[in-house]
Protein backbone atom coordinates (compact mmCIF):
# COMPACT_ATOMS: atom_id res chain seq x y z
CA UNK A 1 0.00 0.00 0.00
CA UNK A 2 1.59 3.26 -1.12
CA UNK A 3 0.79 6.94 -0.66
CA UNK A 4 2.96 10.05 -0.48
CA UNK A 5 4.18 10.25 3.13
CA UNK A 6 3.11 6.88 4.58
CA UNK A 7 1.35 8.46 7.56
CA UNK A 8 -2.33 8.73 6.55
CA UNK A 9 -3.77 6.63 3.73
CA UNK A 10 -1.30 3.79 3.26
CA UNK A 11 -1.02 2.93 6.98
CA UNK A 12 -4.81 2.71 7.09
CA UNK A 13 -4.81 0.53 3.98
CA UNK A 14 -2.12 -1.71 5.46
CA UNK A 15 -4.03 -2.17 8.71
CA UNK A 16 -7.40 -2.66 7.04
CA UNK A 17 -6.16 -5.24 4.53
CA UNK A 18 -4.15 -7.08 7.20
CA UNK A 19 -7.30 -7.37 9.28
CA UNK A 20 -9.08 -9.10 6.39
CA UNK A 21 -6.40 -11.61 5.37
CA UNK A 22 -4.90 -14.65 7.10
CA UNK A 23 -1.45 -13.69 8.41
CA UNK A 24 0.03 -17.08 7.57
CA UNK A 25 -0.57 -16.59 3.82
CA UNK A 26 -0.16 -12.87 3.22
CA UNK A 27 2.27 -10.10 4.04
CA UNK A 28 0.86 -6.58 3.90
CA UNK A 29 3.06 -3.50 4.21
CA UNK A 30 2.93 0.18 3.38
CA UNK A 31 5.33 2.86 2.22
CA UNK A 32 5.46 6.40 0.91
CA UNK A 33 6.97 7.69 -2.30
CA UNK A 34 8.51 10.59 -0.35
CA UNK A 35 10.74 10.33 2.69
CA UNK A 36 9.19 13.17 4.69
CA UNK A 37 8.16 11.09 7.70
CA UNK A 38 10.53 8.11 7.80
CA UNK A 39 10.39 6.37 11.18
CA UNK A 40 7.32 8.26 12.42
CA UNK A 41 4.06 6.71 13.54
CA UNK A 42 0.93 7.27 11.46
CA UNK A 43 -1.00 10.52 11.84
CA UNK A 44 -2.96 10.44 15.11
CA UNK A 45 -6.21 10.81 13.16
CA UNK A 46 -5.42 7.66 11.16
CA UNK A 47 -4.58 5.83 14.37
CA UNK A 48 -7.85 7.02 15.95
CA UNK A 49 -10.15 6.10 13.06
CA UNK A 50 -8.49 2.70 12.77
CA UNK A 51 -8.90 2.10 16.53
CA UNK A 52 -12.57 3.12 16.32
CA UNK A 53 -12.93 0.26 13.85
CA UNK A 54 -11.00 -2.30 15.89
CA UNK A 55 -7.67 -2.01 14.04
CA UNK A 56 -4.40 -1.06 15.74
CA UNK A 57 -1.93 0.73 13.44
CA UNK A 58 -0.15 2.62 16.24
CA UNK A 59 3.04 0.55 15.97
CA UNK A 60 3.58 1.15 12.25
CA UNK A 61 6.53 3.31 11.21
CA UNK A 62 6.68 5.33 8.00
CA UNK A 63 9.17 4.23 5.40
CA UNK A 64 10.02 5.20 1.86
CA UNK A 65 9.20 2.89 -1.04
CA UNK A 66 12.37 1.33 -2.41
CA UNK A 67 13.32 -0.39 -5.65
CA UNK A 68 13.55 -3.66 -3.68
CA UNK A 69 9.82 -3.48 -2.96
CA UNK A 70 9.16 -4.50 -6.55
CA UNK A 71 10.91 -7.79 -5.76
CA UNK A 72 9.42 -8.22 -2.28
CA UNK A 73 5.76 -7.85 -3.24
CA UNK A 74 3.49 -9.47 -5.81
CA UNK A 75 1.02 -6.59 -5.86
CA UNK A 76 1.50 -2.89 -5.13
CA UNK A 77 -1.57 -0.72 -4.58
CA UNK A 78 -1.31 3.06 -4.68
CA UNK A 79 -3.72 5.68 -3.42
CA UNK A 80 -3.63 8.25 -6.23
CA UNK A 81 -2.50 9.05 -9.76
CA UNK A 82 0.57 11.03 -8.67
CA UNK A 83 2.01 8.13 -6.68
CA UNK A 84 1.03 5.73 -9.45
CA UNK A 85 3.13 7.73 -11.91
CA UNK A 86 6.04 7.88 -9.45
CA UNK A 87 6.11 4.11 -9.09
CA UNK A 88 5.69 3.52 -12.79
CA UNK A 89 8.74 5.72 -13.38
CA UNK A 90 10.68 3.67 -10.83
CA UNK A 91 9.72 0.35 -12.43
CA UNK A 92 12.62 -1.30 -14.23
CA UNK A 93 10.79 -4.17 -15.90
CA UNK A 94 7.37 -4.89 -17.41
CA UNK A 95 6.78 -7.23 -14.45
CA UNK A 96 7.38 -4.32 -12.05
CA UNK A 97 4.90 -2.20 -14.01
CA UNK A 98 2.26 -4.92 -13.92
CA UNK A 99 2.40 -5.08 -10.13
CA UNK A 100 1.35 -1.44 -9.67
CA UNK A 101 -2.30 -0.38 -9.69
CA UNK A 102 -4.65 2.08 -8.04
CA UNK A 103 -6.38 0.64 -4.98
CA UNK A 104 -9.74 2.04 -6.12
CA UNK A 105 -9.47 1.05 -9.77
CA UNK A 106 -9.73 4.32 -11.69
CA UNK A 107 -10.55 6.44 -8.64
CA UNK A 108 -8.21 8.00 -6.12
CA UNK A 109 -8.20 7.84 -2.34
CA UNK A 110 -8.24 11.52 -1.33
CA UNK A 111 -5.49 12.73 0.96
CA UNK A 112 -7.13 13.67 4.29
CA UNK A 113 -3.98 15.21 5.82
CA UNK A 114 -5.02 18.87 5.62
CA UNK A 115 -8.62 18.21 6.62
CA UNK A 116 -10.38 17.15 9.79
CA UNK A 117 -11.42 13.84 11.33
CA UNK A 118 -14.39 13.52 8.96
CA UNK A 119 -11.97 13.24 6.04
CA UNK A 120 -10.16 10.41 7.78
CA UNK A 121 -13.46 8.62 8.42
CA UNK A 122 -14.41 8.95 4.74
CA UNK A 123 -11.00 7.66 3.65
CA UNK A 124 -11.30 4.73 6.05
CA UNK A 125 -14.66 3.80 4.52
CA UNK A 126 -13.32 4.00 0.95
CA UNK A 127 -10.30 1.86 1.76
CA UNK A 128 -12.34 -0.60 3.81
CA UNK A 129 -14.79 -1.17 0.95
CA UNK A 130 -11.93 -1.70 -1.50
CA UNK A 131 -10.16 -4.09 0.87
CA UNK A 132 -13.26 -6.27 1.32
CA UNK A 133 -13.27 -6.99 -2.39
CA UNK A 134 -9.48 -7.15 -2.61
CA UNK A 135 -9.20 -9.67 0.23
CA UNK A 136 -11.75 -11.92 -1.48
CA UNK A 137 -9.81 -11.75 -4.77
CA UNK A 138 -6.44 -12.39 -3.13
CA UNK A 139 -7.68 -15.39 -1.16
CA UNK A 140 -8.88 -17.03 -4.37
CA UNK A 141 -5.37 -16.94 -5.80
C-alpha atoms as a PDB file:
ATOM      1  CA  UNK A   1       0.000   0.000   0.000  1.00  0.00           C
ATOM      2  CA  UNK A   2       1.593   3.256  -1.118  1.00  0.00           C
ATOM      3  CA  UNK A   3       0.788   6.944  -0.660  1.00  0.00           C
ATOM      4  CA  UNK A   4       2.958  10.052  -0.482  1.00  0.00           C
ATOM      5  CA  UNK A   5       4.175  10.255   3.127  1.00  0.00           C
ATOM      6  CA  UNK A   6       3.105   6.885   4.580  1.00  0.00           C
ATOM      7  CA  UNK A   7       1.348   8.463   7.564  1.00  0.00           C
ATOM      8  CA  UNK A   8      -2.335   8.732   6.546  1.00  0.00           C
ATOM      9  CA  UNK A   9      -3.768   6.625   3.731  1.00  0.00           C
ATOM     10  CA  UNK A  10      -1.302   3.787   3.258  1.00  0.00           C
ATOM     11  CA  UNK A  11      -1.021   2.933   6.983  1.00  0.00           C
ATOM     12  CA  UNK A  12      -4.810   2.707   7.090  1.00  0.00           C
ATOM     13  CA  UNK A  13      -4.807   0.531   3.980  1.00  0.00           C
ATOM     14  CA  UNK A  14      -2.120  -1.711   5.464  1.00  0.00           C
ATOM     15  CA  UNK A  15      -4.033  -2.166   8.713  1.00  0.00           C
ATOM     16  CA  UNK A  16      -7.397  -2.665   7.037  1.00  0.00           C
ATOM     17  CA  UNK A  17      -6.164  -5.240   4.526  1.00  0.00           C
ATOM     18  CA  UNK A  18      -4.148  -7.079   7.199  1.00  0.00           C
ATOM     19  CA  UNK A  19      -7.301  -7.366   9.280  1.00  0.00           C
ATOM     20  CA  UNK A  20      -9.078  -9.103   6.386  1.00  0.00           C
ATOM     21  CA  UNK A  21      -6.395 -11.613   5.366  1.00  0.00           C
ATOM     22  CA  UNK A  22      -4.898 -14.652   7.096  1.00  0.00           C
ATOM     23  CA  UNK A  23      -1.445 -13.692   8.412  1.00  0.00           C
ATOM     24  CA  UNK A  24       0.031 -17.080   7.567  1.00  0.00           C
ATOM     25  CA  UNK A  25      -0.570 -16.592   3.825  1.00  0.00           C
ATOM     26  CA  UNK A  26      -0.164 -12.868   3.217  1.00  0.00           C
ATOM     27  CA  UNK A  27       2.271 -10.100   4.038  1.00  0.00           C
ATOM     28  CA  UNK A  28       0.864  -6.584   3.895  1.00  0.00           C
ATOM     29  CA  UNK A  29       3.059  -3.503   4.212  1.00  0.00           C
ATOM     30  CA  UNK A  30       2.930   0.175   3.375  1.00  0.00           C
ATOM     31  CA  UNK A  31       5.330   2.862   2.219  1.00  0.00           C
ATOM     32  CA  UNK A  32       5.463   6.401   0.913  1.00  0.00           C
ATOM     33  CA  UNK A  33       6.967   7.694  -2.297  1.00  0.00           C
ATOM     34  CA  UNK A  34       8.507  10.592  -0.353  1.00  0.00           C
ATOM     35  CA  UNK A  35      10.738  10.333   2.692  1.00  0.00           C
ATOM     36  CA  UNK A  36       9.186  13.168   4.695  1.00  0.00           C
ATOM     37  CA  UNK A  37       8.158  11.092   7.701  1.00  0.00           C
ATOM     38  CA  UNK A  38      10.531   8.107   7.801  1.00  0.00           C
ATOM     39  CA  UNK A  39      10.386   6.374  11.183  1.00  0.00           C
ATOM     40  CA  UNK A  40       7.321   8.261  12.418  1.00  0.00           C
ATOM     41  CA  UNK A  41       4.058   6.712  13.545  1.00  0.00           C
ATOM     42  CA  UNK A  42       0.933   7.266  11.461  1.00  0.00           C
ATOM     43  CA  UNK A  43      -0.997  10.523  11.845  1.00  0.00           C
ATOM     44  CA  UNK A  44      -2.960  10.438  15.115  1.00  0.00           C
ATOM     45  CA  UNK A  45      -6.206  10.809  13.157  1.00  0.00           C
ATOM     46  CA  UNK A  46      -5.423   7.662  11.156  1.00  0.00           C
ATOM     47  CA  UNK A  47      -4.580   5.832  14.371  1.00  0.00           C
ATOM     48  CA  UNK A  48      -7.849   7.021  15.953  1.00  0.00           C
ATOM     49  CA  UNK A  49     -10.154   6.096  13.062  1.00  0.00           C
ATOM     50  CA  UNK A  50      -8.494   2.703  12.766  1.00  0.00           C
ATOM     51  CA  UNK A  51      -8.902   2.101  16.525  1.00  0.00           C
ATOM     52  CA  UNK A  52     -12.567   3.116  16.324  1.00  0.00           C
ATOM     53  CA  UNK A  53     -12.925   0.260  13.845  1.00  0.00           C
ATOM     54  CA  UNK A  54     -10.996  -2.302  15.890  1.00  0.00           C
ATOM     55  CA  UNK A  55      -7.667  -2.006  14.042  1.00  0.00           C
ATOM     56  CA  UNK A  56      -4.397  -1.059  15.737  1.00  0.00           C
ATOM     57  CA  UNK A  57      -1.929   0.734  13.439  1.00  0.00           C
ATOM     58  CA  UNK A  58      -0.148   2.617  16.238  1.00  0.00           C
ATOM     59  CA  UNK A  59       3.041   0.547  15.965  1.00  0.00           C
ATOM     60  CA  UNK A  60       3.579   1.152  12.251  1.00  0.00           C
ATOM     61  CA  UNK A  61       6.526   3.311  11.212  1.00  0.00           C
ATOM     62  CA  UNK A  62       6.681   5.333   8.004  1.00  0.00           C
ATOM     63  CA  UNK A  63       9.170   4.231   5.400  1.00  0.00           C
ATOM     64  CA  UNK A  64      10.016   5.204   1.865  1.00  0.00           C
ATOM     65  CA  UNK A  65       9.199   2.888  -1.037  1.00  0.00           C
ATOM     66  CA  UNK A  66      12.369   1.326  -2.409  1.00  0.00           C
ATOM     67  CA  UNK A  67      13.315  -0.395  -5.646  1.00  0.00           C
ATOM     68  CA  UNK A  68      13.553  -3.655  -3.676  1.00  0.00           C
ATOM     69  CA  UNK A  69       9.819  -3.475  -2.959  1.00  0.00           C
ATOM     70  CA  UNK A  70       9.160  -4.501  -6.554  1.00  0.00           C
ATOM     71  CA  UNK A  71      10.905  -7.789  -5.762  1.00  0.00           C
ATOM     72  CA  UNK A  72       9.420  -8.223  -2.279  1.00  0.00           C
ATOM     73  CA  UNK A  73       5.758  -7.848  -3.241  1.00  0.00           C
ATOM     74  CA  UNK A  74       3.493  -9.475  -5.811  1.00  0.00           C
ATOM     75  CA  UNK A  75       1.019  -6.592  -5.858  1.00  0.00           C
ATOM     76  CA  UNK A  76       1.496  -2.893  -5.132  1.00  0.00           C
ATOM     77  CA  UNK A  77      -1.568  -0.719  -4.578  1.00  0.00           C
ATOM     78  CA  UNK A  78      -1.311   3.063  -4.683  1.00  0.00           C
ATOM     79  CA  UNK A  79      -3.715   5.679  -3.419  1.00  0.00           C
ATOM     80  CA  UNK A  80      -3.629   8.254  -6.230  1.00  0.00           C
ATOM     81  CA  UNK A  81      -2.496   9.052  -9.762  1.00  0.00           C
ATOM     82  CA  UNK A  82       0.572  11.033  -8.670  1.00  0.00           C
ATOM     83  CA  UNK A  83       2.013   8.128  -6.675  1.00  0.00           C
ATOM     84  CA  UNK A  84       1.029   5.732  -9.445  1.00  0.00           C
ATOM     85  CA  UNK A  85       3.126   7.730 -11.907  1.00  0.00           C
ATOM     86  CA  UNK A  86       6.042   7.879  -9.455  1.00  0.00           C
ATOM     87  CA  UNK A  87       6.111   4.105  -9.085  1.00  0.00           C
ATOM     88  CA  UNK A  88       5.689   3.522 -12.794  1.00  0.00           C
ATOM     89  CA  UNK A  89       8.736   5.721 -13.379  1.00  0.00           C
ATOM     90  CA  UNK A  90      10.683   3.670 -10.829  1.00  0.00           C
ATOM     91  CA  UNK A  91       9.721   0.348 -12.426  1.00  0.00           C
ATOM     92  CA  UNK A  92      12.622  -1.300 -14.227  1.00  0.00           C
ATOM     93  CA  UNK A  93      10.789  -4.172 -15.905  1.00  0.00           C
ATOM     94  CA  UNK A  94       7.371  -4.894 -17.409  1.00  0.00           C
ATOM     95  CA  UNK A  95       6.783  -7.231 -14.454  1.00  0.00           C
ATOM     96  CA  UNK A  96       7.381  -4.317 -12.048  1.00  0.00           C
ATOM     97  CA  UNK A  97       4.899  -2.197 -14.010  1.00  0.00           C
ATOM     98  CA  UNK A  98       2.261  -4.920 -13.925  1.00  0.00           C
ATOM     99  CA  UNK A  99       2.397  -5.084 -10.129  1.00  0.00           C
ATOM    100  CA  UNK A 100       1.354  -1.443  -9.669  1.00  0.00           C
ATOM    101  CA  UNK A 101      -2.296  -0.384  -9.689  1.00  0.00           C
ATOM    102  CA  UNK A 102      -4.645   2.085  -8.040  1.00  0.00           C
ATOM    103  CA  UNK A 103      -6.376   0.638  -4.981  1.00  0.00           C
ATOM    104  CA  UNK A 104      -9.736   2.039  -6.121  1.00  0.00           C
ATOM    105  CA  UNK A 105      -9.470   1.049  -9.770  1.00  0.00           C
ATOM    106  CA  UNK A 106      -9.725   4.316 -11.686  1.00  0.00           C
ATOM    107  CA  UNK A 107     -10.552   6.439  -8.639  1.00  0.00           C
ATOM    108  CA  UNK A 108      -8.205   8.001  -6.116  1.00  0.00           C
ATOM    109  CA  UNK A 109      -8.196   7.836  -2.340  1.00  0.00           C
ATOM    110  CA  UNK A 110      -8.245  11.519  -1.334  1.00  0.00           C
ATOM    111  CA  UNK A 111      -5.486  12.726   0.962  1.00  0.00           C
ATOM    112  CA  UNK A 112      -7.127  13.672   4.294  1.00  0.00           C
ATOM    113  CA  UNK A 113      -3.976  15.205   5.819  1.00  0.00           C
ATOM    114  CA  UNK A 114      -5.020  18.866   5.619  1.00  0.00           C
ATOM    115  CA  UNK A 115      -8.623  18.206   6.622  1.00  0.00           C
ATOM    116  CA  UNK A 116     -10.380  17.150   9.791  1.00  0.00           C
ATOM    117  CA  UNK A 117     -11.424  13.836  11.335  1.00  0.00           C
ATOM    118  CA  UNK A 118     -14.387  13.515   8.956  1.00  0.00           C
ATOM    119  CA  UNK A 119     -11.972  13.240   6.039  1.00  0.00           C
ATOM    120  CA  UNK A 120     -10.159  10.407   7.777  1.00  0.00           C
ATOM    121  CA  UNK A 121     -13.456   8.621   8.422  1.00  0.00           C
ATOM    122  CA  UNK A 122     -14.407   8.951   4.744  1.00  0.00           C
ATOM    123  CA  UNK A 123     -10.998   7.661   3.648  1.00  0.00           C
ATOM    124  CA  UNK A 124     -11.300   4.727   6.050  1.00  0.00           C
ATOM    125  CA  UNK A 125     -14.659   3.798   4.520  1.00  0.00           C
ATOM    126  CA  UNK A 126     -13.316   4.001   0.947  1.00  0.00           C
ATOM    127  CA  UNK A 127     -10.301   1.863   1.756  1.00  0.00           C
ATOM    128  CA  UNK A 128     -12.340  -0.602   3.809  1.00  0.00           C
ATOM    129  CA  UNK A 129     -14.787  -1.168   0.949  1.00  0.00           C
ATOM    130  CA  UNK A 130     -11.928  -1.696  -1.499  1.00  0.00           C
ATOM    131  CA  UNK A 131     -10.163  -4.092   0.869  1.00  0.00           C
ATOM    132  CA  UNK A 132     -13.259  -6.269   1.323  1.00  0.00           C
ATOM    133  CA  UNK A 133     -13.266  -6.985  -2.394  1.00  0.00           C
ATOM    134  CA  UNK A 134      -9.476  -7.152  -2.609  1.00  0.00           C
ATOM    135  CA  UNK A 135      -9.204  -9.669   0.229  1.00  0.00           C
ATOM    136  CA  UNK A 136     -11.745 -11.920  -1.481  1.00  0.00           C
ATOM    137  CA  UNK A 137      -9.814 -11.750  -4.770  1.00  0.00           C
ATOM    138  CA  UNK A 138      -6.444 -12.391  -3.126  1.00  0.00           C
ATOM    139  CA  UNK A 139      -7.683 -15.389  -1.158  1.00  0.00           C
ATOM    140  CA  UNK A 140      -8.881 -17.035  -4.367  1.00  0.00           C
ATOM    141  CA  UNK A 141      -5.366 -16.941  -5.803  1.00  0.00           C
END
